[in-house]
N, C-alpha and C. Protein backbone atom coordinates (compact mmCIF):
# COMPACT_ATOMS: atom_id res chain seq x y z
N MET A 1 31.25 11.20 -1.80
CA MET A 1 30.20 10.21 -0.51
C MET A 1 28.80 10.24 -0.97
N LYS A 2 28.06 9.64 -0.21
CA LYS A 2 26.65 9.02 -0.72
C LYS A 2 25.80 9.95 0.16
N LYS A 3 24.66 10.56 -1.67
CA LYS A 3 23.66 12.15 -0.87
C LYS A 3 22.93 11.47 -0.32
N THR A 4 22.58 12.04 0.51
CA THR A 4 21.83 11.46 1.54
C THR A 4 20.16 12.57 2.10
N MET A 5 19.31 12.04 1.50
CA MET A 5 18.06 13.24 1.61
C MET A 5 17.98 14.22 2.64
N GLU A 6 17.17 15.02 2.91
CA GLU A 6 16.74 15.41 4.56
C GLU A 6 15.49 14.80 4.74
N ARG A 7 15.46 13.78 5.37
CA ARG A 7 13.51 14.02 6.05
C ARG A 7 13.20 15.42 6.30
N LEU A 8 11.76 14.38 5.79
CA LEU A 8 10.58 15.72 5.90
C LEU A 8 10.00 15.60 6.84
N SER A 9 10.16 15.84 7.97
CA SER A 9 9.21 15.41 9.21
C SER A 9 7.75 15.87 8.90
N ASN A 10 6.97 16.49 8.47
CA ASN A 10 5.34 16.81 8.29
C ASN A 10 5.96 15.58 7.38
N PHE A 11 5.74 14.97 5.88
CA PHE A 11 5.29 13.71 5.61
C PHE A 11 6.01 12.70 6.35
N GLU A 12 6.56 12.86 7.04
CA GLU A 12 6.29 11.06 8.38
C GLU A 12 5.51 10.94 8.94
N ILE A 13 4.79 12.07 9.34
CA ILE A 13 3.83 12.18 10.59
C ILE A 13 3.21 11.82 10.23
N LEU A 14 2.64 11.99 8.79
CA LEU A 14 1.53 12.06 8.21
C LEU A 14 1.60 10.34 7.43
N ARG A 15 2.77 10.16 7.40
CA ARG A 15 2.77 8.36 7.04
C ARG A 15 2.35 8.21 8.40
N ILE A 16 2.72 8.21 9.22
CA ILE A 16 2.80 7.37 10.17
C ILE A 16 0.98 7.75 10.56
N ILE A 17 0.54 8.73 10.32
CA ILE A 17 -0.99 8.33 10.76
C ILE A 17 -1.40 7.15 9.77
N SER A 18 -1.66 7.09 8.44
CA SER A 18 -1.57 6.07 7.68
C SER A 18 -1.53 4.47 7.06
N MET A 19 -0.62 4.67 7.74
CA MET A 19 -0.26 4.04 8.43
C MET A 19 -1.17 3.22 9.72
N LEU A 20 -1.27 3.72 10.89
CA LEU A 20 -2.39 3.78 12.25
C LEU A 20 -3.80 3.29 11.22
N LEU A 21 -4.17 4.36 10.62
CA LEU A 21 -5.82 4.12 9.89
C LEU A 21 -5.04 2.60 9.32
N ILE A 22 -4.62 2.66 8.66
CA ILE A 22 -4.58 1.01 7.87
C ILE A 22 -4.52 -0.13 9.47
N ILE A 23 -3.54 0.64 9.61
CA ILE A 23 -3.53 -1.76 11.22
C ILE A 23 -5.08 -1.06 12.07
N CYS A 24 -5.87 0.39 12.19
CA CYS A 24 -7.36 -0.13 12.92
C CYS A 24 -8.38 -0.30 11.86
N HIS A 25 -8.14 -0.43 10.80
CA HIS A 25 -8.95 -0.79 9.35
C HIS A 25 -8.96 -1.74 10.22
N HIS A 26 -7.47 -2.88 9.57
CA HIS A 26 -7.51 -3.53 9.50
C HIS A 26 -8.00 -4.93 10.89
N PHE A 27 -7.95 -3.78 12.19
CA PHE A 27 -8.50 -4.63 12.92
C PHE A 27 -10.11 -4.62 12.69
N ALA A 28 -10.73 -3.80 12.62
CA ALA A 28 -11.95 -3.07 12.55
C ALA A 28 -12.41 -4.68 11.87
N LEU A 29 -12.12 -4.84 10.21
CA LEU A 29 -12.39 -5.94 9.67
C LEU A 29 -12.02 -7.60 9.92
N TYR A 30 -11.13 -7.77 10.52
CA TYR A 30 -10.55 -9.33 10.92
C TYR A 30 -10.56 -9.73 12.48
N SER A 31 -10.96 -8.52 13.20
CA SER A 31 -11.04 -8.68 14.90
C SER A 31 -11.98 -9.74 15.77
N GLY A 32 -13.31 -9.71 14.66
CA GLY A 32 -14.17 -10.55 14.81
C GLY A 32 -15.72 -10.16 15.75
N PHE A 33 -15.16 -8.92 15.07
CA PHE A 33 -16.36 -7.84 16.05
C PHE A 33 -17.58 -8.21 15.60
N ARG A 34 -18.68 -8.87 15.50
CA ARG A 34 -20.05 -8.80 14.81
C ARG A 34 -21.32 -7.63 15.72
N TYR A 35 -21.80 -6.80 15.42
CA TYR A 35 -23.22 -5.91 16.21
C TYR A 35 -24.48 -6.36 14.46
N PRO A 36 -25.23 -6.88 14.92
CA PRO A 36 -26.51 -6.91 14.59
C PRO A 36 -26.36 -5.58 13.90
N SER A 37 -27.08 -5.23 12.52
CA SER A 37 -27.17 -3.66 11.54
C SER A 37 -28.33 -2.69 12.29
N SER A 38 -29.38 -3.87 13.02
CA SER A 38 -30.77 -3.32 13.19
C SER A 38 -30.66 -2.51 14.70
N THR A 39 -29.42 -2.26 15.32
CA THR A 39 -29.47 -1.70 16.95
C THR A 39 -27.66 -0.53 16.86
N ILE A 40 -27.69 0.37 16.62
CA ILE A 40 -26.66 1.06 16.96
C ILE A 40 -26.54 1.14 18.34
N THR A 41 -25.17 0.91 18.68
CA THR A 41 -24.17 1.15 19.69
C THR A 41 -23.41 1.83 19.99
N MET A 42 -22.70 2.11 20.61
CA MET A 42 -21.58 2.55 21.39
C MET A 42 -20.03 2.19 20.63
N ASN A 43 -20.03 0.63 20.39
CA ASN A 43 -19.46 -0.01 20.08
C ASN A 43 -19.45 -0.66 18.11
N SER A 44 -20.78 -0.29 18.00
CA SER A 44 -20.38 -0.66 16.28
C SER A 44 -20.36 0.50 16.22
N VAL A 45 -20.20 1.48 16.19
CA VAL A 45 -20.26 2.68 15.67
C VAL A 45 -18.71 3.07 16.02
N PHE A 46 -17.92 3.40 16.86
CA PHE A 46 -16.43 2.98 16.91
C PHE A 46 -15.83 2.23 16.25
N ILE A 47 -16.03 0.25 15.50
CA ILE A 47 -15.54 -0.21 14.29
C ILE A 47 -15.69 0.19 13.53
N GLN A 48 -17.29 0.82 13.48
CA GLN A 48 -17.29 1.61 11.59
C GLN A 48 -16.34 2.42 11.58
N PHE A 49 -16.51 3.38 12.66
CA PHE A 49 -15.69 4.70 12.30
C PHE A 49 -13.87 4.02 11.52
N LEU A 50 -13.39 3.04 12.43
CA LEU A 50 -11.95 2.64 12.59
C LEU A 50 -12.15 2.03 10.79
N SER A 51 -13.58 1.94 10.33
CA SER A 51 -12.86 0.55 9.57
C SER A 51 -12.69 1.80 8.51
N TYR A 52 -13.65 3.70 8.32
CA TYR A 52 -13.51 3.73 7.70
C TYR A 52 -11.87 4.58 7.50
N GLY A 53 -11.11 4.52 8.09
CA GLY A 53 -9.64 4.96 8.19
C GLY A 53 -9.48 4.12 7.56
N GLY A 54 -9.16 3.49 6.72
CA GLY A 54 -8.61 2.48 6.45
C GLY A 54 -8.25 2.42 4.65
N GLN A 55 -8.81 2.97 4.35
CA GLN A 55 -9.34 4.37 3.05
C GLN A 55 -8.61 5.19 2.76
N LEU A 56 -9.08 5.93 3.74
CA LEU A 56 -7.88 7.39 3.71
C LEU A 56 -6.70 7.24 4.28
N GLY A 57 -6.32 6.18 5.12
CA GLY A 57 -4.36 6.01 4.75
C GLY A 57 -3.92 4.79 3.83
N VAL A 58 -4.51 4.72 2.82
CA VAL A 58 -4.79 4.64 1.43
C VAL A 58 -4.45 5.10 1.14
N ASN A 59 -5.04 6.06 0.86
CA ASN A 59 -4.96 7.18 0.13
C ASN A 59 -4.23 8.27 0.15
N LEU A 60 -4.23 8.43 1.58
CA LEU A 60 -2.73 9.07 2.47
C LEU A 60 -1.66 8.59 1.21
N PHE A 61 -1.20 7.78 1.85
CA PHE A 61 0.09 7.07 1.47
C PHE A 61 0.91 6.21 -0.27
N VAL A 62 -0.49 6.46 -0.66
CA VAL A 62 -0.40 7.24 -2.17
C VAL A 62 0.06 8.40 -2.50
N LEU A 63 -0.82 9.23 -1.88
CA LEU A 63 -1.00 10.66 -2.24
C LEU A 63 0.77 10.83 -2.11
N ILE A 64 1.51 10.34 -0.63
CA ILE A 64 2.54 11.11 -0.30
C ILE A 64 3.93 10.55 -1.39
N SER A 65 3.21 8.72 -1.82
CA SER A 65 4.06 8.37 -2.69
C SER A 65 4.50 8.71 -3.94
N GLY A 66 3.84 9.09 -4.61
CA GLY A 66 3.58 9.90 -5.59
C GLY A 66 3.89 11.72 -5.31
N TYR A 67 4.03 11.32 -4.55
CA TYR A 67 4.70 13.61 -4.50
C TYR A 67 6.14 13.06 -3.96
N PHE A 68 6.55 11.82 -3.52
CA PHE A 68 8.36 11.62 -4.02
C PHE A 68 8.83 10.78 -5.69
N LEU A 69 7.92 9.93 -5.83
CA LEU A 69 8.00 9.65 -7.19
C LEU A 69 8.13 10.36 -8.20
N VAL A 70 7.49 12.02 -7.96
CA VAL A 70 7.12 12.41 -9.08
C VAL A 70 8.60 13.37 -10.08
N LYS A 71 8.89 13.32 -8.62
CA LYS A 71 10.22 14.34 -9.20
C LYS A 71 11.91 12.99 -8.73
N ASN A 72 11.45 11.92 -9.52
CA ASN A 72 12.31 11.16 -9.63
C ASN A 72 12.60 9.76 -10.83
N GLU A 73 13.42 9.53 -10.84
CA GLU A 73 13.84 9.10 -12.04
C GLU A 73 13.75 7.42 -11.85
N PHE A 74 12.82 6.97 -13.06
CA PHE A 74 13.03 4.62 -12.57
C PHE A 74 14.10 4.75 -12.51
N LYS A 75 14.16 3.40 -11.54
CA LYS A 75 15.93 3.07 -11.64
C LYS A 75 15.20 1.58 -11.36
N VAL A 76 15.64 1.05 -12.20
CA VAL A 76 15.46 -1.32 -12.68
C VAL A 76 16.08 -1.35 -11.24
N LYS A 77 17.17 -1.21 -10.94
CA LYS A 77 17.94 -1.84 -9.47
C LYS A 77 16.26 -1.20 -8.03
N LYS A 78 16.23 -0.75 -8.28
CA LYS A 78 15.05 0.18 -7.04
C LYS A 78 13.70 -0.83 -7.49
N ALA A 79 13.58 -1.37 -8.87
CA ALA A 79 11.68 -2.63 -9.27
C ALA A 79 12.57 -3.69 -8.28
N VAL A 80 13.88 -3.84 -8.59
CA VAL A 80 14.15 -5.01 -8.63
C VAL A 80 14.38 -5.24 -6.70
N LYS A 81 15.02 -4.80 -6.48
CA LYS A 81 14.63 -4.71 -4.92
C LYS A 81 13.18 -4.61 -3.85
N LEU A 82 12.71 -3.30 -4.86
CA LEU A 82 11.09 -4.14 -4.32
C LEU A 82 10.72 -5.26 -4.17
N TRP A 83 11.25 -5.79 -5.86
CA TRP A 83 10.41 -7.07 -5.97
C TRP A 83 11.21 -7.82 -4.89
N MET A 84 11.92 -7.82 -4.95
CA MET A 84 12.40 -9.14 -3.14
C MET A 84 12.43 -8.74 -2.69
N ASP A 85 11.42 -7.71 -1.73
CA ASP A 85 11.42 -7.46 -0.23
C ASP A 85 9.66 -7.77 -0.47
N ILE A 86 8.76 -7.56 -1.89
CA ILE A 86 7.74 -8.62 -1.28
C ILE A 86 7.73 -9.73 -1.31
N SER A 87 8.56 -9.96 -2.29
CA SER A 87 8.62 -11.23 -2.46
C SER A 87 9.43 -12.48 -0.86
N ILE A 88 10.35 -11.48 -0.50
CA ILE A 88 11.18 -12.05 0.55
C ILE A 88 9.58 -12.35 1.78
N TYR A 89 9.47 -11.28 1.92
CA TYR A 89 8.12 -10.90 3.09
C TYR A 89 6.86 -12.33 2.67
N ALA A 90 7.12 -12.58 2.07
CA ALA A 90 5.85 -12.98 1.74
C ALA A 90 6.58 -14.69 1.66
N ILE A 91 7.62 -15.26 1.46
CA ILE A 91 8.62 -16.70 2.20
C ILE A 91 8.68 -16.82 3.38
N ILE A 92 8.82 -15.37 4.31
CA ILE A 92 8.93 -15.71 5.99
C ILE A 92 7.62 -15.58 6.48
N ILE A 93 6.47 -15.08 5.38
CA ILE A 93 5.37 -14.82 6.50
C ILE A 93 4.85 -16.57 5.91
N MET A 94 5.38 -17.23 5.65
CA MET A 94 4.77 -19.05 4.48
C MET A 94 4.80 -19.78 5.58
N LEU A 95 6.44 -19.50 5.35
CA LEU A 95 7.14 -19.88 6.95
C LEU A 95 6.69 -20.05 8.03
N ILE A 96 6.23 -19.06 8.67
CA ILE A 96 6.32 -19.18 9.58
C ILE A 96 4.61 -19.65 10.28
N PHE A 97 3.50 -19.23 8.88
CA PHE A 97 2.79 -20.31 8.99
C PHE A 97 2.62 -21.65 9.07
N ALA A 98 3.42 -22.46 8.08
CA ALA A 98 4.01 -24.03 7.62
C ALA A 98 4.29 -24.55 9.08
N ILE A 99 4.83 -23.34 10.17
CA ILE A 99 5.82 -23.79 10.93
C ILE A 99 4.98 -23.88 12.60
N ALA A 100 3.74 -23.61 12.17
CA ALA A 100 2.53 -23.21 12.83
C ALA A 100 1.79 -24.17 12.49
N GLY A 101 1.89 -24.72 11.20
CA GLY A 101 1.18 -26.87 11.24
C GLY A 101 0.45 -26.02 10.11
N THR A 102 0.53 -25.02 9.53
CA THR A 102 -1.02 -24.77 8.33
C THR A 102 -0.23 -25.26 7.31
N ASP A 103 -1.29 -26.10 6.64
CA ASP A 103 0.02 -26.90 5.72
C ASP A 103 -0.89 -26.30 4.12
N PHE A 104 0.12 -26.12 3.20
CA PHE A 104 -0.03 -25.16 1.53
C PHE A 104 -0.13 -26.31 0.69
N ASN A 105 -1.04 -26.58 -0.63
CA ASN A 105 -0.54 -27.03 -1.34
C ASN A 105 0.84 -26.08 -2.84
N PHE A 106 0.74 -27.22 -3.48
CA PHE A 106 1.69 -26.70 -4.20
C PHE A 106 1.56 -25.37 -5.09
N PHE A 107 0.20 -25.13 -5.09
CA PHE A 107 -0.32 -23.74 -5.75
C PHE A 107 0.17 -22.27 -4.86
N GLU A 108 -0.29 -23.01 -3.88
CA GLU A 108 -0.20 -21.45 -2.35
C GLU A 108 1.50 -21.13 -2.94
N VAL A 109 2.06 -22.44 -2.41
CA VAL A 109 3.72 -22.24 -2.75
C VAL A 109 3.89 -21.26 -3.73
N VAL A 110 3.98 -21.72 -4.56
CA VAL A 110 4.45 -20.54 -6.43
C VAL A 110 3.48 -19.51 -5.88
N LYS A 111 2.40 -18.82 -5.30
CA LYS A 111 1.29 -17.74 -5.12
C LYS A 111 2.55 -16.62 -4.47
N ASN A 112 3.21 -17.72 -3.32
CA ASN A 112 3.99 -17.15 -2.16
C ASN A 112 5.48 -16.85 -3.24
N ILE A 113 5.97 -17.46 -3.56
CA ILE A 113 7.01 -17.35 -3.90
C ILE A 113 6.82 -16.03 -4.96
N PHE A 114 5.76 -15.70 -6.01
CA PHE A 114 5.48 -14.95 -6.61
C PHE A 114 4.42 -13.87 -6.33
N PRO A 115 5.18 -12.76 -5.50
CA PRO A 115 2.89 -12.84 -4.74
C PRO A 115 2.56 -11.49 -5.57
N ILE A 116 3.48 -10.90 -6.15
CA ILE A 116 2.92 -9.70 -7.27
C ILE A 116 2.18 -10.07 -8.62
N PRO A 117 2.92 -11.41 -9.66
CA PRO A 117 1.87 -10.93 -10.27
C PRO A 117 0.73 -12.28 -10.03
N TYR A 118 1.04 -12.52 -9.22
CA TYR A 118 -0.96 -13.35 -8.49
C TYR A 118 -1.39 -13.00 -7.55
N ASN A 119 -1.11 -11.29 -7.18
CA ASN A 119 -1.85 -9.98 -6.95
C ASN A 119 -2.26 -10.33 -5.22
N MET A 120 -1.38 -10.75 -4.60
CA MET A 120 -1.73 -11.73 -3.18
C MET A 120 -1.71 -10.61 -2.20
N TRP A 121 -1.15 -9.54 -2.10
CA TRP A 121 -1.44 -8.21 -1.62
C TRP A 121 -1.68 -7.69 -2.38
N TRP A 122 -2.95 -6.88 -2.66
CA TRP A 122 -3.51 -5.09 -3.53
C TRP A 122 -2.61 -4.59 -4.03
N PHE A 123 -1.85 -3.90 -2.59
CA PHE A 123 -1.36 -2.94 -2.09
C PHE A 123 -0.42 -2.88 -3.32
N ALA A 124 0.59 -3.72 -2.26
CA ALA A 124 1.84 -4.33 -2.18
C ALA A 124 2.51 -4.39 -4.60
N THR A 125 1.00 -4.77 -4.99
CA THR A 125 1.05 -5.70 -6.69
C THR A 125 0.92 -4.24 -6.79
N SER A 126 -0.37 -3.44 -6.79
CA SER A 126 -0.60 -1.94 -6.97
C SER A 126 0.62 -1.04 -6.85
N TYR A 127 1.14 -1.23 -5.67
CA TYR A 127 2.31 -0.06 -5.86
C TYR A 127 3.21 -0.61 -6.70
N PHE A 128 3.39 -1.76 -6.74
CA PHE A 128 4.86 -1.96 -7.31
C PHE A 128 4.52 -1.38 -8.71
N MET A 129 3.44 -1.92 -9.33
CA MET A 129 2.50 -1.60 -10.30
C MET A 129 2.90 0.18 -11.01
N MET A 130 2.42 1.35 -9.70
CA MET A 130 2.71 2.06 -9.69
C MET A 130 4.40 2.83 -10.28
N TYR A 131 4.89 2.16 -9.40
CA TYR A 131 6.96 2.68 -9.59
C TYR A 131 6.95 1.83 -11.26
N LEU A 132 5.92 1.40 -11.92
CA LEU A 132 7.29 0.90 -13.16
C LEU A 132 6.30 1.69 -13.64
N LEU A 133 5.50 2.51 -13.80
CA LEU A 133 4.51 3.15 -14.42
C LEU A 133 4.87 4.34 -14.00
N SER A 134 5.98 5.14 -12.54
CA SER A 134 5.96 6.23 -12.46
C SER A 134 7.07 6.95 -13.54
N GLY A 135 7.89 6.58 -14.26
CA GLY A 135 8.47 7.57 -15.93
C GLY A 135 7.61 7.98 -16.58
N TYR A 136 6.86 6.40 -17.38
CA TYR A 136 5.68 7.25 -17.75
C TYR A 136 4.35 8.53 -17.56
N ILE A 137 4.69 8.22 -16.39
CA ILE A 137 3.28 9.42 -15.91
C ILE A 137 4.31 10.87 -15.59
N ASN A 138 5.84 10.81 -15.05
CA ASN A 138 5.86 11.30 -14.90
C ASN A 138 6.32 12.88 -16.05
N LYS A 139 5.80 11.94 -17.36
CA LYS A 139 6.31 11.72 -19.02
C LYS A 139 4.86 12.63 -19.07
N LEU A 140 3.45 12.49 -18.52
CA LEU A 140 2.30 13.14 -19.23
C LEU A 140 2.62 13.51 -18.47
N ILE A 141 2.95 14.60 -17.65
CA ILE A 141 2.56 14.84 -15.95
C ILE A 141 2.63 16.10 -16.82
N CYS A 142 4.90 16.49 -17.49
CA CYS A 142 5.92 17.30 -17.51
C CYS A 142 5.02 17.80 -18.58
N ALA A 143 4.65 16.64 -19.59
CA ALA A 143 4.46 17.16 -20.79
C ALA A 143 2.71 17.63 -21.29
N LEU A 144 1.99 18.15 -20.65
CA LEU A 144 0.62 18.93 -20.01
C LEU A 144 0.55 20.31 -19.69
N SER A 145 -0.40 21.15 -19.98
CA SER A 145 0.03 23.01 -19.48
C SER A 145 -0.90 22.30 -18.38
N LYS A 146 -1.06 23.44 -17.75
CA LYS A 146 -2.02 23.16 -16.40
C LYS A 146 -2.58 23.07 -15.93
N ARG A 147 -3.43 23.83 -17.97
CA ARG A 147 -5.19 23.62 -17.44
C ARG A 147 -6.02 22.16 -18.28
N GLU A 148 -4.76 21.81 -19.21
CA GLU A 148 -4.78 20.34 -19.39
C GLU A 148 -4.67 19.35 -18.14
N LEU A 149 -3.71 20.05 -17.09
CA LEU A 149 -3.38 18.99 -15.83
C LEU A 149 -4.80 19.28 -14.35
N ASP A 150 -5.19 20.51 -14.33
CA ASP A 150 -6.13 20.74 -13.65
C ASP A 150 -7.94 19.45 -14.34
N HIS A 151 -7.87 19.79 -15.55
CA HIS A 151 -8.36 18.82 -16.32
C HIS A 151 -8.57 17.05 -16.16
N LEU A 152 -7.33 17.20 -16.40
CA LEU A 152 -7.48 15.58 -15.94
C LEU A 152 -7.54 14.79 -14.23
N ILE A 153 -7.29 16.41 -13.68
CA ILE A 153 -7.05 15.88 -12.24
C ILE A 153 -8.39 15.68 -11.28
N TYR A 154 -9.49 16.55 -12.06
CA TYR A 154 -10.98 17.51 -11.55
C TYR A 154 -11.60 16.69 -12.23
N CYS A 155 -11.46 16.02 -13.29
CA CYS A 155 -12.57 15.42 -14.04
C CYS A 155 -13.04 13.82 -13.72
């Protein structure tokens, strides 16, 4: 039988909150709302507040990922699946834009087929690299003493 992991609802809720913060950040950044910096309005403060949530959301997401990766072994199959998932999403999004009438040059098509090496989405590339290095990071963490680990974290 396949071993199933128990769901940790507190981490799931934190993951959902981080995703919402990231979505709010993207809304504030790309919605087109622009307010002059000379005047402070309730709307401009609200949009600014939404934009700050994105960095917090990304940090939360990376911390949650690191928490779960620290005890896991690196698996080539999982790395290949992650690479394929990211590439398939990039190709599907490109096809949707192509159907909608967007023209793509050769380099843009290649970039969408290979989004990780071309750093098409910084977080997807960073997450993939973090996964590739997770085995080495885990070995480093296990090899350090508590004092050395504290020094590494707090420096």
